[in-house]
Amino acid sequence: MKWGRILVAGLGTCVAALLVITVAATGYAFKLAFELRGAPDQARIGQLAAHLGRSYWWVLQILLTVPAAVWAVRKVQRSHQLHGVLVGLVAAAAGFAMSLTLSVRTMAAVALTVGAGWLGGAMARECHRTTPSSERSGDRRPVLPGK
């Protein structure tokens, strides 16, 4: 098991989702500042950030779990889906800890996040299966015909 990669990928999805929301709110603040040619209304920016956090947090986390799981699983030799599910579980646990709500929507989002981790593991397995072993090991020497 690559526990370090699993933890980094799982927790990285939360950080990445937070960064996406922060960048969106910052872009909105710049837009307001240029429209008003002055200081933007902090209440409107806060409302947008709160709305994005409530409405799109889990969507972003689910979408970001797939590439995070692919990254975490890319150097694993076997049990790719298991590693992907573990990435999804770490991401879901971190997201659940940040939301602190227990609802049907939250449980569905947790299940979808774990499923996204499994999907990332399956995608990495297929990539691993179709990539020649010489490319996987980092051996970039050309193979000469007849040798």
C-alpha atoms as a PDB file:
ATOM      1  CA  MET A   1       0.000   0.000   0.000  1.00  0.00           C
ATOM      2  CA  LYS A   2       1.159   3.504  -0.841  1.00  0.00           C
ATOM      3  CA  TRP A   3      -0.355   5.212   2.216  1.00  0.00           C
ATOM      4  CA  GLY A   4       1.514   8.455   1.700  1.00  0.00           C
ATOM      5  CA  ARG A   5       0.188   8.878  -1.823  1.00  0.00           C
ATOM      6  CA  ILE A   6      -3.305   7.861  -0.690  1.00  0.00           C
ATOM      7  CA  LEU A   7      -3.354  10.482   2.084  1.00  0.00           C
ATOM      8  CA  VAL A   8      -1.866  13.226  -0.080  1.00  0.00           C
ATOM      9  CA  ALA A   9      -4.316  12.542  -2.908  1.00  0.00           C
ATOM     10  CA  GLY A  10      -7.334  12.276  -0.617  1.00  0.00           C
ATOM     11  CA  LEU A  11      -6.571  15.409   1.356  1.00  0.00           C
ATOM     12  CA  GLY A  12      -5.404  17.165  -1.793  1.00  0.00           C
ATOM     13  CA  THR A  13      -8.917  16.982  -3.229  1.00  0.00           C
ATOM     14  CA  CYS A  14     -10.213  19.086  -0.319  1.00  0.00           C
ATOM     15  CA  VAL A  15      -7.423  21.608  -0.740  1.00  0.00           C
ATOM     16  CA  ALA A  16      -7.988  21.764  -4.498  1.00  0.00           C
ATOM     17  CA  ALA A  17     -11.754  22.251  -4.089  1.00  0.00           C
ATOM     18  CA  LEU A  18     -11.110  25.034  -1.589  1.00  0.00           C
ATOM     19  CA  LEU A  19      -8.648  26.664  -4.000  1.00  0.00           C
ATOM     20  CA  VAL A  20     -11.154  26.524  -6.873  1.00  0.00           C
ATOM     21  CA  ILE A  21     -13.814  28.211  -4.733  1.00  0.00           C
ATOM     22  CA  THR A  22     -11.284  30.810  -3.525  1.00  0.00           C
ATOM     23  CA  VAL A  23     -10.160  31.591  -7.073  1.00  0.00           C
ATOM     24  CA  ALA A  24     -13.791  31.962  -8.195  1.00  0.00           C
ATOM     25  CA  ALA A  25     -14.577  34.328  -5.313  1.00  0.00           C
ATOM     26  CA  THR A  26     -11.386  36.317  -5.984  1.00  0.00           C
ATOM     27  CA  GLY A  27     -12.266  36.613  -9.664  1.00  0.00           C
ATOM     28  CA  TYR A  28     -15.717  37.868  -8.685  1.00  0.00           C
ATOM     29  CA  ALA A  29     -14.121  40.424  -6.347  1.00  0.00           C
ATOM     30  CA  PHE A  30     -11.900  41.704  -9.165  1.00  0.00           C
ATOM     31  CA  LYS A  31     -14.913  41.911 -11.470  1.00  0.00           C
ATOM     32  CA  LEU A  32     -16.827  43.966  -8.900  1.00  0.00           C
ATOM     33  CA  ALA A  33     -13.803  46.178  -8.245  1.00  0.00           C
ATOM     34  CA  PHE A  34     -13.382  46.975 -11.932  1.00  0.00           C
ATOM     35  CA  GLU A  35     -17.109  47.627 -12.368  1.00  0.00           C
ATOM     36  CA  LEU A  36     -17.256  49.971  -9.388  1.00  0.00           C
ATOM     37  CA  ARG A  37     -13.753  51.414  -9.896  1.00  0.00           C
ATOM     38  CA  GLY A  38     -13.193  51.073  -6.201  1.00  0.00           C
ATOM     39  CA  ALA A  39     -13.504  48.702  -3.274  1.00  0.00           C
ATOM     40  CA  PRO A  40     -16.022  45.908  -3.908  1.00  0.00           C
ATOM     41  CA  ASP A  41     -18.844  45.067  -1.518  1.00  0.00           C
ATOM     42  CA  GLN A  42     -17.433  42.507   0.915  1.00  0.00           C
ATOM     43  CA  ALA A  43     -20.910  41.213   1.785  1.00  0.00           C
ATOM     44  CA  ARG A  44     -21.596  40.239  -1.850  1.00  0.00           C
ATOM     45  CA  ILE A  45     -18.245  38.482  -2.100  1.00  0.00           C
ATOM     46  CA  GLY A  46     -18.925  36.646   1.151  1.00  0.00           C
ATOM     47  CA  GLN A  47     -22.368  35.607  -0.082  1.00  0.00           C
ATOM     48  CA  LEU A  48     -20.898  34.231  -3.304  1.00  0.00           C
ATOM     49  CA  ALA A  49     -18.169  32.312  -1.478  1.00  0.00           C
ATOM     50  CA  ALA A  50     -20.718  30.857   0.956  1.00  0.00           C
ATOM     51  CA  HIS A  51     -23.022  29.883  -1.910  1.00  0.00           C
ATOM     52  CA  LEU A  52     -20.199  28.224  -3.854  1.00  0.00           C
ATOM     53  CA  GLY A  53     -19.030  26.394  -0.741  1.00  0.00           C
ATOM     54  CA  ARG A  54     -22.498  25.074   0.055  1.00  0.00           C
ATOM     55  CA  SER A  55     -23.594  24.260  -3.471  1.00  0.00           C
ATOM     56  CA  TYR A  56     -20.463  23.101  -5.257  1.00  0.00           C
ATOM     57  CA  TRP A  57     -18.135  21.730  -2.590  1.00  0.00           C
ATOM     58  CA  TRP A  58     -19.112  18.096  -3.041  1.00  0.00           C
ATOM     59  CA  VAL A  59     -19.363  18.408  -6.827  1.00  0.00           C
ATOM     60  CA  LEU A  60     -15.808  19.733  -6.997  1.00  0.00           C
ATOM     61  CA  GLN A  61     -14.563  17.126  -4.564  1.00  0.00           C
ATOM     62  CA  ILE A  62     -16.133  14.278  -6.536  1.00  0.00           C
ATOM     63  CA  LEU A  63     -14.720  15.582  -9.817  1.00  0.00           C
ATOM     64  CA  LEU A  64     -11.257  16.146  -8.350  1.00  0.00           C
ATOM     65  CA  THR A  65     -11.144  12.702  -6.712  1.00  0.00           C
ATOM     66  CA  VAL A  66     -10.867  10.936 -10.081  1.00  0.00           C
ATOM     67  CA  PRO A  67      -7.553  12.530 -11.174  1.00  0.00           C
ATOM     68  CA  ALA A  68      -6.266  12.384  -7.597  1.00  0.00           C
ATOM     69  CA  ALA A  69      -6.890   8.638  -7.501  1.00  0.00           C
ATOM     70  CA  VAL A  70      -5.244   8.186 -10.903  1.00  0.00           C
ATOM     71  CA  TRP A  71      -2.180  10.035  -9.603  1.00  0.00           C
ATOM     72  CA  ALA A  72      -2.069   8.024  -6.370  1.00  0.00           C
ATOM     73  CA  VAL A  73      -2.443   4.678  -8.131  1.00  0.00           C
ATOM     74  CA  ARG A  74      -0.162   5.200 -11.108  1.00  0.00           C
ATOM     75  CA  LYS A  75       2.881   3.517  -9.545  1.00  0.00           C
ATOM     76  CA  VAL A  76       0.983   0.634  -7.926  1.00  0.00           C
ATOM     77  CA  GLN A  77       1.510  -2.795  -9.465  1.00  0.00           C
ATOM     78  CA  ARG A  78      -1.798  -4.389  -8.405  1.00  0.00           C
ATOM     79  CA  SER A  79      -5.083  -3.735  -6.565  1.00  0.00           C
ATOM     80  CA  HIS A  80      -5.568  -0.428  -8.334  1.00  0.00           C
ATOM     81  CA  GLN A  81      -9.272  -0.146  -7.503  1.00  0.00           C
ATOM     82  CA  LEU A  82      -8.605  -0.765  -3.810  1.00  0.00           C
ATOM     83  CA  HIS A  83      -6.095   2.070  -3.731  1.00  0.00           C
ATOM     84  CA  GLY A  84      -8.581   4.273  -5.607  1.00  0.00           C
ATOM     85  CA  VAL A  85     -11.342   3.439  -3.115  1.00  0.00           C
ATOM     86  CA  LEU A  86      -8.995   4.335  -0.253  1.00  0.00           C
ATOM     87  CA  VAL A  87      -8.287   7.701  -1.886  1.00  0.00           C
ATOM     88  CA  GLY A  88     -12.042   8.200  -2.198  1.00  0.00           C
ATOM     89  CA  LEU A  89     -12.561   7.267   1.453  1.00  0.00           C
ATOM     90  CA  VAL A  90      -9.912   9.718   2.648  1.00  0.00           C
ATOM     91  CA  ALA A  91     -11.397  12.478   0.459  1.00  0.00           C
ATOM     92  CA  ALA A  92     -14.930  11.673   1.624  1.00  0.00           C
ATOM     93  CA  ALA A  93     -13.908  11.582   5.290  1.00  0.00           C
ATOM     94  CA  ALA A  94     -12.159  14.945   4.976  1.00  0.00           C
ATOM     95  CA  GLY A  95     -15.133  16.468   3.165  1.00  0.00           C
ATOM     96  CA  PHE A  96     -17.553  15.025   5.702  1.00  0.00           C
ATOM     97  CA  ALA A  97     -15.468  16.406   8.558  1.00  0.00           C
ATOM     98  CA  MET A  98     -15.567  19.857   6.972  1.00  0.00           C
ATOM     99  CA  SER A  99     -19.328  19.822   6.304  1.00  0.00           C
ATOM    100  CA  LEU A 100     -20.405  18.510   9.722  1.00  0.00           C
ATOM    101  CA  THR A 101     -23.885  17.684   8.442  1.00  0.00           C
ATOM    102  CA  LEU A 102     -25.525  14.293   8.274  1.00  0.00           C
ATOM    103  CA  SER A 103     -28.123  14.186   5.534  1.00  0.00           C
ATOM    104  CA  VAL A 104     -29.128  12.062   2.580  1.00  0.00           C
ATOM    105  CA  ARG A 105     -27.305  14.478   0.277  1.00  0.00           C
ATOM    106  CA  THR A 106     -24.111  14.151   2.320  1.00  0.00           C
ATOM    107  CA  MET A 107     -24.302  10.353   2.348  1.00  0.00           C
ATOM    108  CA  ALA A 108     -24.869  10.330  -1.422  1.00  0.00           C
ATOM    109  CA  ALA A 109     -21.882  12.651  -1.879  1.00  0.00           C
ATOM    110  CA  VAL A 110     -19.713  10.374   0.288  1.00  0.00           C
ATOM    111  CA  ALA A 111     -20.759   7.359  -1.788  1.00  0.00           C
ATOM    112  CA  LEU A 112     -20.098   9.227  -5.041  1.00  0.00           C
ATOM    113  CA  THR A 113     -16.681  10.352  -3.797  1.00  0.00           C
ATOM    114  CA  VAL A 114     -15.716   6.775  -2.963  1.00  0.00           C
ATOM    115  CA  GLY A 115     -17.050   5.733  -6.379  1.00  0.00           C
ATOM    116  CA  ALA A 116     -14.963   8.447  -8.029  1.00  0.00           C
ATOM    117  CA  GLY A 117     -11.901   7.036  -6.276  1.00  0.00           C
ATOM    118  CA  TRP A 118     -12.749   3.568  -7.573  1.00  0.00           C
ATOM    119  CA  LEU A 119     -13.169   5.013 -11.084  1.00  0.00           C
ATOM    120  CA  GLY A 120      -9.779   6.693 -10.870  1.00  0.00           C
ATOM    121  CA  GLY A 121      -8.216   3.402  -9.786  1.00  0.00           C
ATOM    122  CA  ALA A 122      -9.883   1.577 -12.676  1.00  0.00           C
ATOM    123  CA  MET A 123      -8.673   4.217 -15.130  1.00  0.00           C
ATOM    124  CA  ALA A 124      -5.128   3.930 -13.802  1.00  0.00           C
ATOM    125  CA  ARG A 125      -5.305   0.149 -14.107  1.00  0.00           C
ATOM    126  CA  GLU A 126      -6.333   0.404 -17.751  1.00  0.00           C
ATOM    127  CA  CYS A 127      -3.548   2.895 -18.423  1.00  0.00           C
ATOM    128  CA  HIS A 128      -1.123   0.595 -16.604  1.00  0.00           C
ATOM    129  CA  ARG A 129      -2.336  -2.378 -18.637  1.00  0.00           C
ATOM    130  CA  THR A 130      -1.931  -0.638 -22.005  1.00  0.00           C
ATOM    131  CA  THR A 131       1.451   0.997 -21.291  1.00  0.00           C
ATOM    132  CA  PRO A 132       4.474  -1.181 -22.168  1.00  0.00           C
ATOM    133  CA  SER A 133       6.535  -2.185 -19.153  1.00  0.00           C
ATOM    134  CA  SER A 134       9.650  -0.421 -20.490  1.00  0.00           C
ATOM    135  CA  GLU A 135       7.786   2.927 -20.432  1.00  0.00           C
ATOM    136  CA  ARG A 136       6.409   2.283 -16.932  1.00  0.00           C
ATOM    137  CA  SER A 137       9.841   1.667 -15.481  1.00  0.00           C
ATOM    138  CA  GLY A 138      11.149   4.928 -16.858  1.00  0.00           C
ATOM    139  CA  ASP A 139      13.409   3.186 -19.401  1.00  0.00           C
ATOM    140  CA  ARG A 140      13.229   5.539 -22.393  1.00  0.00           C
ATOM    141  CA  ARG A 141      15.897   3.812 -24.493  1.00  0.00           C
ATOM    142  CA  PRO A 142      14.683   2.944 -27.967  1.00  0.00           C
ATOM    143  CA  VAL A 143      14.272  -0.723 -28.751  1.00  0.00           C
ATOM    144  CA  LEU A 144      16.258  -1.568 -31.860  1.00  0.00           C
ATOM    145  CA  PRO A 145      14.728  -4.051 -34.313  1.00  0.00           C
ATOM    146  CA  GLY A 146      16.318  -7.470 -34.295  1.00  0.00           C
ATOM    147  CA  LYS A 147      17.823  -7.162 -30.815  1.00  0.00           C
END
